[in-house]
C-alpha atoms as a PDB file:
ATOM      1  CA  MET A   1     -19.409 -11.985   4.419  1.00  0.00           C
ATOM      2  CA  LYS A   2     -20.019 -10.493   0.499  1.00  0.00           C
ATOM      3  CA  ILE A   3     -17.292  -8.907  -0.795  1.00  0.00           C
ATOM      4  CA  GLY A   4     -16.909  -7.568  -4.879  1.00  0.00           C
ATOM      5  CA  VAL A   5     -13.917  -6.501  -6.653  1.00  0.00           C
ATOM      6  CA  ILE A   6     -13.683  -3.309  -7.842  1.00  0.00           C
ATOM      7  CA  SER A   7     -10.820  -2.810 -11.079  1.00  0.00           C
ATOM      8  CA  LEU A   8      -8.292  -5.311 -11.454  1.00  0.00           C
ATOM      9  CA  ALA A   9      -5.757  -2.451 -12.271  1.00  0.00           C
ATOM     10  CA  HIS A  10      -3.338  -2.822  -9.904  1.00  0.00           C
ATOM     11  CA  MET A  11      -1.362  -6.312  -8.756  1.00  0.00           C
ATOM     12  CA  HIS A  12      -2.562  -7.333  -5.576  1.00  0.00           C
ATOM     13  CA  ALA A  13      -6.395  -7.639  -7.097  1.00  0.00           C
ATOM     14  CA  VAL A  14      -5.429 -11.595  -7.543  1.00  0.00           C
ATOM     15  CA  GLY A  15      -3.659 -11.478  -4.701  1.00  0.00           C
ATOM     16  CA  TYR A  16      -6.746 -10.016  -2.638  1.00  0.00           C
ATOM     17  CA  MET A  17      -9.630 -12.578  -4.740  1.00  0.00           C
ATOM     18  CA  SER A  18      -6.495 -15.537  -3.641  1.00  0.00           C
ATOM     19  CA  ALA A  19      -7.441 -14.956   0.072  1.00  0.00           C
ATOM     20  CA  ILE A  20     -11.027 -13.862   0.078  1.00  0.00           C
ATOM     21  CA  ASN A  21     -11.511 -17.384  -1.091  1.00  0.00           C
ATOM     22  CA  GLN A  22      -9.705 -18.781   2.110  1.00  0.00           C
ATOM     23  CA  LEU A  23     -11.580 -17.423   4.140  1.00  0.00           C
ATOM     24  CA  GLU A  24     -14.484 -19.323   5.592  1.00  0.00           C
ATOM     25  CA  GLY A  25     -17.697 -17.013   5.361  1.00  0.00           C
ATOM     26  CA  VAL A  26     -16.574 -14.770   3.461  1.00  0.00           C
ATOM     27  CA  GLU A  27     -17.404 -14.786  -0.812  1.00  0.00           C
ATOM     28  CA  LEU A  28     -15.670 -13.547  -3.222  1.00  0.00           C
ATOM     29  CA  THR A  29     -19.577 -12.675  -5.265  1.00  0.00           C
ATOM     30  CA  GLY A  30     -18.254 -10.118  -8.441  1.00  0.00           C
ATOM     31  CA  ILE A  31     -15.712  -7.973  -9.616  1.00  0.00           C
ATOM     32  CA  TRP A  32     -15.491  -5.142 -12.005  1.00  0.00           C
ATOM     33  CA  HIS A  33     -13.231  -4.280 -14.425  1.00  0.00           C
ATOM     34  CA  ASP A  34     -13.201  -2.104 -16.792  1.00  0.00           C
ATOM     35  CA  ASP A  35     -12.290  -4.245 -19.698  1.00  0.00           C
ATOM     36  CA  ALA A  36     -14.369  -6.613 -20.108  1.00  0.00           C
ATOM     37  CA  GLU A  37     -12.867  -8.958 -21.809  1.00  0.00           C
ATOM     38  CA  ALA A  38     -10.373  -9.724 -18.709  1.00  0.00           C
ATOM     39  CA  GLY A  39     -12.129  -9.200 -16.120  1.00  0.00           C
ATOM     40  CA  GLY A  40     -14.233 -11.894 -17.354  1.00  0.00           C
ATOM     41  CA  ARG A  41     -11.722 -14.212 -17.557  1.00  0.00           C
ATOM     42  CA  ILE A  42     -10.807 -13.105 -14.353  1.00  0.00           C
ATOM     43  CA  ALA A  43     -13.576 -13.562 -12.949  1.00  0.00           C
ATOM     44  CA  GLU A  44     -14.289 -16.942 -14.450  1.00  0.00           C
ATOM     45  CA  ARG A  45     -11.073 -18.086 -13.153  1.00  0.00           C
ATOM     46  CA  PHE A  46     -12.573 -17.757  -9.574  1.00  0.00           C
ATOM     47  CA  GLY A  47     -16.211 -18.601  -9.791  1.00  0.00           C
ATOM     48  CA  THR A  48     -17.420 -15.195  -9.433  1.00  0.00           C
ATOM     49  CA  THR A  49     -19.706 -12.955 -11.096  1.00  0.00           C
ATOM     50  CA  PHE A  50     -18.746 -10.202 -13.193  1.00  0.00           C
ATOM     51  CA  TYR A  51     -20.129  -6.944 -13.521  1.00  0.00           C
ATOM     52  CA  ALA A  52     -19.394  -4.795 -17.043  1.00  0.00           C
ATOM     53  CA  ASP A  53     -20.442  -1.342 -14.047  1.00  0.00           C
ATOM     54  CA  PHE A  54     -18.957  -0.599 -11.059  1.00  0.00           C
ATOM     55  CA  ASN A  55     -22.547   0.387 -10.420  1.00  0.00           C
ATOM     56  CA  GLU A  56     -24.361  -2.467 -10.222  1.00  0.00           C
ATOM     57  CA  LEU A  57     -21.602  -4.493  -8.336  1.00  0.00           C
ATOM     58  CA  ILE A  58     -21.856  -2.111  -5.804  1.00  0.00           C
ATOM     59  CA  GLY A  59     -25.734  -2.282  -5.543  1.00  0.00           C
ATOM     60  CA  SER A  60     -25.504  -6.441  -5.614  1.00  0.00           C
ATOM     61  CA  GLY A  61     -26.139  -6.925  -1.769  1.00  0.00           C
ATOM     62  CA  ILE A  62     -22.118  -6.972  -0.816  1.00  0.00           C
ATOM     63  CA  ASP A  63     -21.012  -6.021   1.914  1.00  0.00           C
ATOM     64  CA  ALA A  64     -17.441  -4.650   1.806  1.00  0.00           C
ATOM     65  CA  VAL A  65     -15.261  -3.678  -1.458  1.00  0.00           C
ATOM     66  CA  ILE A  66     -12.184  -3.590  -1.856  1.00  0.00           C
ATOM     67  CA  VAL A  67     -11.004  -1.086  -4.810  1.00  0.00           C
ATOM     68  CA  THR A  68      -7.534  -1.680  -6.466  1.00  0.00           C
ATOM     69  CA  SER A  69      -8.239   0.529 -10.022  1.00  0.00           C
ATOM     70  CA  GLU A  70      -5.499   3.736 -10.664  1.00  0.00           C
ATOM     71  CA  ASN A  71      -4.430   5.184  -7.346  1.00  0.00           C
ATOM     72  CA  VAL A  72      -6.305   8.452  -9.237  1.00  0.00           C
ATOM     73  CA  ASN A  73      -9.425   7.021  -9.549  1.00  0.00           C
ATOM     74  CA  HIS A  74      -9.696   5.645  -6.199  1.00  0.00           C
ATOM     75  CA  VAL A  75     -11.392   8.510  -4.880  1.00  0.00           C
ATOM     76  CA  ARG A  76     -14.562   7.949  -6.932  1.00  0.00           C
ATOM     77  CA  HIS A  77     -14.743   4.287  -6.908  1.00  0.00           C
ATOM     78  CA  VAL A  78     -14.760   4.425  -2.949  1.00  0.00           C
ATOM     79  CA  VAL A  79     -17.047   7.289  -2.173  1.00  0.00           C
ATOM     80  CA  ALA A  80     -19.751   5.655  -4.165  1.00  0.00           C
ATOM     81  CA  ALA A  81     -19.498   2.453  -2.114  1.00  0.00           C
ATOM     82  CA  ALA A  82     -19.923   4.647   0.792  1.00  0.00           C
ATOM     83  CA  GLU A  83     -22.613   6.643  -0.356  1.00  0.00           C
ATOM     84  CA  ALA A  84     -23.326   2.767  -0.089  1.00  0.00           C
ATOM     85  CA  GLY A  85     -22.988   1.971   2.849  1.00  0.00           C
ATOM     86  CA  LYS A  86     -20.070  -0.838   1.637  1.00  0.00           C
ATOM     87  CA  HIS A  87     -17.478  -0.896   4.024  1.00  0.00           C
ATOM     88  CA  VAL A  88     -13.817   0.134   1.962  1.00  0.00           C
ATOM     89  CA  LEU A  89     -10.423  -1.853   1.533  1.00  0.00           C
ATOM     90  CA  CYS A  90      -8.300   0.822  -0.879  1.00  0.00           C
ATOM     91  CA  GLU A  91      -5.717  -0.027  -2.572  1.00  0.00           C
ATOM     92  CA  LYS A  92      -2.468   2.464  -1.224  1.00  0.00           C
ATOM     93  CA  PRO A  93      -1.782   5.284  -2.097  1.00  0.00           C
ATOM     94  CA  LEU A  94      -5.288   6.209  -1.380  1.00  0.00           C
ATOM     95  CA  ALA A  95      -5.544   9.013  -3.033  1.00  0.00           C
ATOM     96  CA  THR A  96      -2.351  11.480  -5.535  1.00  0.00           C
ATOM     97  CA  LYS A  97      -4.216  14.491  -3.718  1.00  0.00           C
ATOM     98  CA  ILE A  98      -4.975  15.325  -0.314  1.00  0.00           C
ATOM     99  CA  GLU A  99      -8.222  16.991  -0.834  1.00  0.00           C
ATOM    100  CA  ASP A 100      -8.813  13.304  -2.703  1.00  0.00           C
ATOM    101  CA  ALA A 101      -8.037  11.313   0.785  1.00  0.00           C
ATOM    102  CA  GLN A 102      -9.732  13.535   3.371  1.00  0.00           C
ATOM    103  CA  ALA A 103     -12.354  13.382   1.333  1.00  0.00           C
ATOM    104  CA  MET A 104     -12.697   9.534   0.897  1.00  0.00           C
ATOM    105  CA  ILE A 105     -12.110   9.668   5.207  1.00  0.00           C
ATOM    106  CA  ASP A 106     -15.225  11.943   5.660  1.00  0.00           C
ATOM    107  CA  ILE A 107     -17.441   9.655   3.197  1.00  0.00           C
ATOM    108  CA  CYS A 108     -17.165   6.883   4.700  1.00  0.00           C
ATOM    109  CA  ARG A 109     -16.997   8.555   8.294  1.00  0.00           C
ATOM    110  CA  ALA A 110     -19.981  10.077   7.405  1.00  0.00           C
ATOM    111  CA  ASN A 111     -21.591   7.331   6.317  1.00  0.00           C
ATOM    112  CA  GLY A 112     -21.120   4.365   8.978  1.00  0.00           C
ATOM    113  CA  VAL A 113     -18.836   2.591   6.781  1.00  0.00           C
ATOM    114  CA  LEU A 114     -14.716   1.142   8.147  1.00  0.00           C
ATOM    115  CA  LEU A 115     -12.112   3.306   4.918  1.00  0.00           C
ATOM    116  CA  GLN A 116      -8.969   1.061   5.461  1.00  0.00           C
ATOM    117  CA  THR A 117      -5.673   1.591   3.523  1.00  0.00           C
ATOM    118  CA  ALA A 118      -3.786  -1.183   2.082  1.00  0.00           C
ATOM    119  CA  PHE A 119      -1.125  -2.044   3.479  1.00  0.00           C
ATOM    120  CA  PRO A 120       0.596  -5.140   4.142  1.00  0.00           C
ATOM    121  CA  VAL A 121       3.545  -4.815   5.506  1.00  0.00           C
ATOM    122  CA  ARG A 122       2.017  -4.354   8.885  1.00  0.00           C
ATOM    123  CA  PHE A 123       1.115  -7.925   9.060  1.00  0.00           C
ATOM    124  CA  GLN A 124       4.424  -9.618   7.774  1.00  0.00           C
ATOM    125  CA  THR A 125       5.563 -11.458  11.154  1.00  0.00           C
ATOM    126  CA  SER A 126       8.993  -9.731  11.140  1.00  0.00           C
ATOM    127  CA  VAL A 127       8.016  -6.631  10.869  1.00  0.00           C
ATOM    128  CA  LYS A 128       5.071  -6.949  13.618  1.00  0.00           C
ATOM    129  CA  ARG A 129       8.289  -8.610  16.057  1.00  0.00           C
ATOM    130  CA  GLY A 130      10.157  -5.228  15.197  1.00  0.00           C
ATOM    131  CA  LYS A 131       7.041  -3.301  16.906  1.00  0.00           C
ATOM    132  CA  GLN A 132       7.053  -5.891  19.227  1.00  0.00           C
ATOM    133  CA  LEU A 133      10.467  -5.768  20.208  1.00  0.00           C
ATOM    134  CA  LEU A 134      10.565  -1.509  20.308  1.00  0.00           C
ATOM    135  CA  GLU A 135       8.136  -1.362  22.309  1.00  0.00           C
ATOM    136  CA  SER A 136       9.561  -3.518  24.477  1.00  0.00           C
ATOM    137  CA  GLY A 137      12.104  -0.675  25.799  1.00  0.00           C
ATOM    138  CA  LYS A 138      14.939  -3.349  25.187  1.00  0.00           C
ATOM    139  CA  TYR A 139      16.272  -1.606  22.700  1.00  0.00           C
ATOM    140  CA  GLY A 140      16.011   2.209  24.190  1.00  0.00           C
ATOM    141  CA  ASN A 141      14.613   5.033  22.670  1.00  0.00           C
ATOM    142  CA  ILE A 142      14.948   5.587  18.532  1.00  0.00           C
ATOM    143  CA  ILE A 143      17.654   7.743  16.551  1.00  0.00           C
ATOM    144  CA  ALA A 144      16.713   7.421  13.322  1.00  0.00           C
ATOM    145  CA  ILE A 145      15.870   4.791  10.853  1.00  0.00           C
ATOM    146  CA  LYS A 146      17.331   3.847   7.147  1.00  0.00           C
ATOM    147  CA  GLY A 147      14.872   2.067   5.161  1.00  0.00           C
ATOM    148  CA  THR A 148      14.425   1.174   1.788  1.00  0.00           C
ATOM    149  CA  ASN A 149      12.121  -0.332  -0.393  1.00  0.00           C
ATOM    150  CA  ARG A 150      13.056  -1.211  -4.550  1.00  0.00           C
ATOM    151  CA  GLY A 151      11.537  -3.539  -6.268  1.00  0.00           C
ATOM    152  CA  ARG A 152      11.794  -3.756 -11.145  1.00  0.00           C
ATOM    153  CA  ILE A 153       9.703  -1.070 -12.842  1.00  0.00           C
ATOM    154  CA  PRO A 154       6.099  -1.859 -13.432  1.00  0.00           C
ATOM    155  CA  GLY A 155       4.520  -0.366 -16.670  1.00  0.00           C
ATOM    156  CA  GLY A 156       1.622   0.563 -18.282  1.00  0.00           C
ATOM    157  CA  TRP A 157      -0.740   2.927 -16.275  1.00  0.00           C
ATOM    158  CA  PHE A 158       1.761   3.399 -13.520  1.00  0.00           C
ATOM    159  CA  LEU A 159       4.046   4.976 -15.621  1.00  0.00           C
ATOM    160  CA  ASP A 160       1.237   7.540 -16.695  1.00  0.00           C
ATOM    161  CA  ARG A 161       1.310  10.055 -14.083  1.00  0.00           C
ATOM    162  CA  ASN A 162      -2.784  10.878 -15.032  1.00  0.00           C
ATOM    163  CA  LEU A 163      -3.190   7.850 -13.409  1.00  0.00           C
ATOM    164  CA  SER A 164      -0.320   7.063 -10.994  1.00  0.00           C
ATOM    165  CA  GLY A 165       0.351  10.921  -9.859  1.00  0.00           C
ATOM    166  CA  GLY A 166       3.766   9.656  -9.578  1.00  0.00           C
ATOM    167  CA  GLY A 167       6.090   6.666 -10.014  1.00  0.00           C
ATOM    168  CA  ALA A 168       8.210   5.193  -7.556  1.00  0.00           C
ATOM    169  CA  VAL A 169       7.788   7.986  -5.039  1.00  0.00           C
ATOM    170  CA  ILE A 170       4.683   8.326  -4.468  1.00  0.00           C
ATOM    171  CA  ASP A 171       4.315   4.277  -5.151  1.00  0.00           C
ATOM    172  CA  HIS A 172       7.294   3.464  -2.734  1.00  0.00           C
ATOM    173  CA  THR A 173       7.379   5.653  -0.132  1.00  0.00           C
ATOM    174  CA  VAL A 174       4.134   4.819   1.537  1.00  0.00           C
ATOM    175  CA  HIS A 175       3.946   1.848   2.357  1.00  0.00           C
ATOM    176  CA  VAL A 176       7.751   2.506   4.912  1.00  0.00           C
ATOM    177  CA  VAL A 177       6.988   5.707   5.966  1.00  0.00           C
ATOM    178  CA  ASP A 178       3.064   4.279   7.108  1.00  0.00           C
ATOM    179  CA  VAL A 179       5.882   1.022   8.948  1.00  0.00           C
ATOM    180  CA  MET A 180       8.075   3.915  10.271  1.00  0.00           C
ATOM    181  CA  ARG A 181       4.582   6.143  11.623  1.00  0.00           C
ATOM    182  CA  TRP A 182       3.667   2.715  13.063  1.00  0.00           C
ATOM    183  CA  TYR A 183       6.770   2.019  15.428  1.00  0.00           C
ATOM    184  CA  MET A 184       7.066   5.444  16.560  1.00  0.00           C
ATOM    185  CA  GLY A 185       3.227   6.802  17.385  1.00  0.00           C
ATOM    186  CA  ALA A 186       5.330   9.654  15.373  1.00  0.00           C
ATOM    187  CA  GLU A 187       4.300  12.102  11.866  1.00  0.00           C
ATOM    188  CA  VAL A 188       6.620  13.465   9.529  1.00  0.00           C
ATOM    189  CA  THR A 189       7.474  17.316   9.896  1.00  0.00           C
ATOM    190  CA  LYS A 190      10.168  18.406   7.300  1.00  0.00           C
ATOM    191  CA  VAL A 191      11.401  16.031   3.750  1.00  0.00           C
ATOM    192  CA  TYR A 192      13.883  17.008   1.990  1.00  0.00           C
ATOM    193  CA  ALA A 193      13.713  14.763  -1.182  1.00  0.00           C
ATOM    194  CA  GLU A 194      15.858  13.904  -4.544  1.00  0.00           C
ATOM    195  CA  SER A 195      14.062  11.573  -8.141  1.00  0.00           C
ATOM    196  CA  ALA A 196      15.146  11.222 -10.915  1.00  0.00           C
ATOM    197  CA  SER A 197      14.236   8.508 -14.271  1.00  0.00           C
ATOM    198  CA  ARG A 198      16.819   6.492 -14.898  1.00  0.00           C
ATOM    199  CA  PHE A 199      14.912   3.482 -15.991  1.00  0.00           C
ATOM    200  CA  SER A 200      11.742   4.102 -17.603  1.00  0.00           C
ATOM    201  CA  ASN A 201      13.744   7.139 -20.384  1.00  0.00           C
ATOM    202  CA  GLY A 202      11.554   9.548 -18.961  1.00  0.00           C
ATOM    203  CA  LEU A 203       8.498   8.816 -18.746  1.00  0.00           C
ATOM    204  CA  ILE A 204       8.179   9.355 -15.229  1.00  0.00           C
ATOM    205  CA  ASP A 205      10.679   9.588 -12.091  1.00  0.00           C
ATOM    206  CA  ASP A 206      11.646   5.534 -10.802  1.00  0.00           C
ATOM    207  CA  CYS A 207      14.099   6.800  -8.234  1.00  0.00           C
ATOM    208  CA  GLY A 208      13.813   8.135  -5.335  1.00  0.00           C
ATOM    209  CA  MET A 209      15.926   9.676  -2.307  1.00  0.00           C
ATOM    210  CA  LEU A 210      13.581  10.752   1.595  1.00  0.00           C
ATOM    211  CA  THR A 211      15.426  12.392   4.618  1.00  0.00           C
ATOM    212  CA  MET A 212      12.455  12.989   6.781  1.00  0.00           C
ATOM    213  CA  SER A 213      12.891  14.793  10.569  1.00  0.00           C
ATOM    214  CA  PHE A 214       9.569  12.651  12.704  1.00  0.00           C
ATOM    215  CA  ASP A 215       7.942  15.175  14.832  1.00  0.00           C
ATOM    216  CA  ASN A 216      10.343  13.295  18.741  1.00  0.00           C
ATOM    217  CA  GLY A 217      13.732  14.226  16.714  1.00  0.00           C
ATOM    218  CA  VAL A 218      14.115  10.802  15.086  1.00  0.00           C
ATOM    219  CA  PHE A 219      16.015  11.431  10.928  1.00  0.00           C
ATOM    220  CA  ALA A 220      14.977   8.758   8.749  1.00  0.00           C
ATOM    221  CA  SER A 221      15.726   8.205   5.297  1.00  0.00           C
ATOM    222  CA  LEU A 222      13.871   6.194   2.118  1.00  0.00           C
ATOM    223  CA  ASP A 223      15.347   5.249  -0.863  1.00  0.00           C
ATOM    224  CA  CYS A 224      12.697   4.356  -2.909  1.00  0.00           C
ATOM    225  CA  SER A 225      12.861   3.183  -6.200  1.00  0.00           C
ATOM    226  CA  TRP A 226      11.936   1.276  -8.983  1.00  0.00           C
ATOM    227  CA  SER A 227      15.225   0.557  -9.503  1.00  0.00           C
ATOM    228  CA  ARG A 228      15.700  -3.855 -10.243  1.00  0.00           C
ATOM    229  CA  ASN A 229      16.245  -5.186 -13.346  1.00  0.00           C
ATOM    230  CA  LYS A 230      13.258  -7.282 -15.350  1.00  0.00           C
ATOM    231  CA  LYS A 231      14.693 -10.506 -14.301  1.00  0.00           C
ATOM    232  CA  PHE A 232      14.584  -9.374 -10.949  1.00  0.00           C
ATOM    233  CA  PRO A 233      11.185 -10.414  -8.094  1.00  0.00           C
ATOM    234  CA  THR A 234       8.629  -7.723  -8.779  1.00  0.00           C
ATOM    235  CA  TRP A 235       8.325  -6.056  -5.666  1.00  0.00           C
ATOM    236  CA  GLY A 236      12.154  -5.675  -4.887  1.00  0.00           C
ATOM    237  CA  ASP A 237      12.182  -5.268  -0.662  1.00  0.00           C
ATOM    238  CA  VAL A 238      11.317  -4.128   2.299  1.00  0.00           C
ATOM    239  CA  THR A 239      14.002  -3.337   4.612  1.00  0.00           C
ATOM    240  CA  LEU A 240      14.638  -0.856   8.141  1.00  0.00           C
ATOM    241  CA  GLU A 241      17.823  -0.081  10.212  1.00  0.00           C
ATOM    242  CA  ILE A 242      16.391   1.019  13.368  1.00  0.00           C
ATOM    243  CA  VAL A 243      19.639   2.679  14.950  1.00  0.00           C
ATOM    244  CA  CYS A 244      17.848   2.747  18.938  1.00  0.00           C
ATOM    245  CA  GLU A 245      20.295   4.046  22.585  1.00  0.00           C
ATOM    246  CA  ASN A 246      20.962  -0.200  23.434  1.00  0.00           C
ATOM    247  CA  GLY A 247      21.310  -1.453  19.788  1.00  0.00           C
ATOM    248  CA  THR A 248      20.317  -1.662  15.798  1.00  0.00           C
ATOM    249  CA  LEU A 249      16.870  -3.711  15.094  1.00  0.00           C
ATOM    250  CA  SER A 250      17.045  -4.893  11.259  1.00  0.00           C
ATOM    251  CA  ILE A 251      14.386  -6.447   9.628  1.00  0.00           C
ATOM    252  CA  ASP A 252      13.964  -7.337   5.901  1.00  0.00           C
ATOM    253  CA  ALA A 253      10.453  -8.075   5.307  1.00  0.00           C
ATOM    254  CA  PHE A 254      11.108 -10.087   1.758  1.00  0.00           C
ATOM    255  CA  ASN A 255      13.235 -12.651   4.142  1.00  0.00           C
ATOM    256  CA  GLN A 256      10.889 -16.136   4.226  1.00  0.00           C
ATOM    257  CA  LYS A 257      12.101 -17.295   0.524  1.00  0.00           C
ATOM    258  CA  LEU A 258      14.591 -19.759  -1.064  1.00  0.00           C
ATOM    259  CA  ASN A 259      16.648 -18.133  -3.805  1.00  0.00           C
ATOM    260  CA  ARG A 260      16.218 -20.078  -7.510  1.00  0.00           C
ATOM    261  CA  TYR A 261      18.691 -18.491  -9.658  1.00  0.00           C
ATOM    262  CA  SER A 262      18.814 -19.879 -13.094  1.00  0.00           C
ATOM    263  CA  ASP A 263      19.735 -18.823 -17.017  1.00  0.00           C
ATOM    264  CA  GLU A 264      16.430 -18.042 -17.551  1.00  0.00           C
ATOM    265  CA  THR A 265      14.569 -16.485 -15.496  1.00  0.00           C
ATOM    266  CA  GLY A 266      17.211 -15.047 -13.274  1.00  0.00           C
ATOM    267  CA  LEU A 267      16.481 -14.578  -9.677  1.00  0.00           C
ATOM    268  CA  GLU A 268      13.890 -15.955  -7.991  1.00  0.00           C
ATOM    269  CA  TRP A 269      11.854 -15.711  -4.627  1.00  0.00           C
ATOM    270  CA  ASP A 270      10.291 -19.303  -3.914  1.00  0.00           C
ATOM    271  CA  PHE A 271       8.082 -17.785  -0.404  1.00  0.00           C
ATOM    272  CA  TRP A 272       7.867 -19.961   2.682  1.00  0.00           C
ATOM    273  CA  GLY A 273       6.177 -17.517   5.329  1.00  0.00           C
ATOM    274  CA  ASP A 274       3.394 -15.023   5.561  1.00  0.00           C
ATOM    275  CA  ASP A 275       0.943 -14.445   3.025  1.00  0.00           C
ATOM    276  CA  MET A 276       0.855 -10.642   3.802  1.00  0.00           C
ATOM    277  CA  ASP A 277      -1.970  -9.946   1.462  1.00  0.00           C
ATOM    278  CA  LEU A 278      -4.263 -12.725   3.134  1.00  0.00           C
ATOM    279  CA  GLU A 279      -3.860 -11.235   6.847  1.00  0.00           C
ATOM    280  CA  LEU A 280      -4.822  -7.874   5.471  1.00  0.00           C
ATOM    281  CA  ILE A 281      -7.802  -9.037   4.317  1.00  0.00           C
ATOM    282  CA  ARG A 282      -8.470 -11.689   7.545  1.00  0.00           C
ATOM    283  CA  ASP A 283      -7.740  -8.182   9.248  1.00  0.00           C
ATOM    284  CA  PHE A 284     -10.232  -5.658   7.427  1.00  0.00           C
ATOM    285  CA  VAL A 285     -12.864  -8.745   7.681  1.00  0.00           C
ATOM    286  CA  ARG A 286     -12.366  -9.529  11.273  1.00  0.00           C
ATOM    287  CA  SER A 287     -13.455  -5.177  11.917  1.00  0.00           C
ATOM    288  CA  ILE A 288     -16.366  -5.051   9.962  1.00  0.00           C
ATOM    289  CA  ARG A 289     -17.617  -8.665  11.961  1.00  0.00           C
ATOM    290  CA  GLU A 290     -16.960  -7.110  14.777  1.00  0.00           C
ATOM    291  CA  GLY A 291     -18.365  -3.387  14.310  1.00  0.00           C
ATOM    292  CA  LYS A 292     -14.998  -1.856  15.077  1.00  0.00           C
ATOM    293  CA  ARG A 293     -15.923   1.793  13.944  1.00  0.00           C
ATOM    294  CA  GLU A 294     -12.078   2.500  12.625  1.00  0.00           C
ATOM    295  CA  ALA A 295     -10.005  -0.556  10.847  1.00  0.00           C
ATOM    296  CA  SER A 296      -6.680  -1.305  12.177  1.00  0.00           C
ATOM    297  CA  VAL A 297      -4.581   0.491   9.420  1.00  0.00           C
ATOM    298  CA  THR A 298      -7.460   3.753   9.246  1.00  0.00           C
ATOM    299  CA  GLY A 299      -7.342   6.328   5.976  1.00  0.00           C
ATOM    300  CA  GLU A 300      -5.869   8.828   8.117  1.00  0.00           C
ATOM    301  CA  ASP A 301      -2.793   6.606   7.888  1.00  0.00           C
ATOM    302  CA  GLY A 302      -2.871   6.174   4.260  1.00  0.00           C
ATOM    303  CA  LEU A 303      -3.333  10.442   4.407  1.00  0.00           C
ATOM    304  CA  ARG A 304      -0.401  10.784   6.154  1.00  0.00           C
ATOM    305  CA  ALA A 305       1.545   8.523   4.103  1.00  0.00           C
ATOM    306  CA  VAL A 306       1.141  10.253   0.609  1.00  0.00           C
ATOM    307  CA  GLU A 307       0.835  13.708   2.711  1.00  0.00           C
ATOM    308  CA  VAL A 308       4.702  12.600   3.216  1.00  0.00           C
ATOM    309  CA  ALA A 309       5.170  11.450  -0.734  1.00  0.00           C
ATOM    310  CA  LEU A 310       3.523  15.126  -1.913  1.00  0.00           C
ATOM    311  CA  ALA A 311       6.458  16.612   0.283  1.00  0.00           C
ATOM    312  CA  ALA A 312       8.772  14.339  -1.292  1.00  0.00           C
ATOM    313  CA  TYR A 313       7.792  15.968  -4.697  1.00  0.00           C
ATOM    314  CA  GLU A 314       7.527  18.886  -3.898  1.00  0.00           C
ATOM    315  CA  SER A 315      10.966  18.893  -2.449  1.00  0.00           C
ATOM    316  CA  SER A 316      12.467  17.463  -5.075  1.00  0.00           C
ATOM    317  CA  GLU A 317      11.138  20.111  -8.076  1.00  0.00           C
ATOM    318  CA  SER A 318      12.502  23.194  -4.735  1.00  0.00           C
ATOM    319  CA  HIS A 319      14.863  21.339  -4.311  1.00  0.00           C
ATOM    320  CA  ALA A 320      13.938  22.593  -0.641  1.00  0.00           C
ATOM    321  CA  VAL A 321      13.396  21.231   2.410  1.00  0.00           C
ATOM    322  CA  VAL A 322       9.289  20.971   2.756  1.00  0.00           C
ATOM    323  CA  THR A 323       8.223  21.087   5.853  1.00  0.00           C
ATOM    324  CA  LEU A 324       4.719  19.368   6.424  1.00  0.00           C
ATOM    325  CA  ARG A 325       1.761  21.299   8.938  1.00  0.00           C
END
């Protein structure tokens, strides 16, 4: 199987390329990036071809693409790939507008190709184990969930709303909302949120707090922020406290690590556990090979998560509860 990567804008791009090179029978055929010098360096590092035009990459005989461009550019890259009959794994958030996300879903379906949203947290062992325990019935019905997704402020295009579509709220809401939806098979019906700029000199929202109601009666909260200091590991945490009828389930998706402290670097994490990027790519490849009609994490999953993030922005501006359709 031949896979190409469209853009190196997102930090996960290199992780995905490393994952491709670990899978038997899968080839990283080429990459495109709008910075030819940077793209050429990375292509050389991974022993692949750099393409100056992403349409040339799409037309190079590949089977699938991984889209890791700036959020606002996802739609044009996904549409181009789908029209050429290529399966697509697209970085989250799937899009910055509901209509763009729907257009991506529609064009992939019309052309008979998979559209998978890149939610690697679903493939982490403790997160998967949490779903198994909840489905076993041992804990009874879920009553409420408290989630966190706090990291370091990324900088670059992430702080340009014209490219990112928003800051910490859209960046860090979608991961945890996706896990909540996956666990419960339920949809968010109401959102109230507060957001602010405390770490980016007013450039963009970098901290937020969401409260959500689901259609199964569950109440949830989410701390989604870029509040970690400059010496902290890039992706600060993903945690869930799930309060059930018969107990509380605590999940820490980034606890397969050793903490290493020094005066020079502060805190560093030495991971010994899961490679979520690898498992995500493995799942994407498996779905293509098995000829599945839908990915395990669909475009619709990506759209629903974006809906919640956009509702959070609307609520933050209006200081009122927003009801989702």
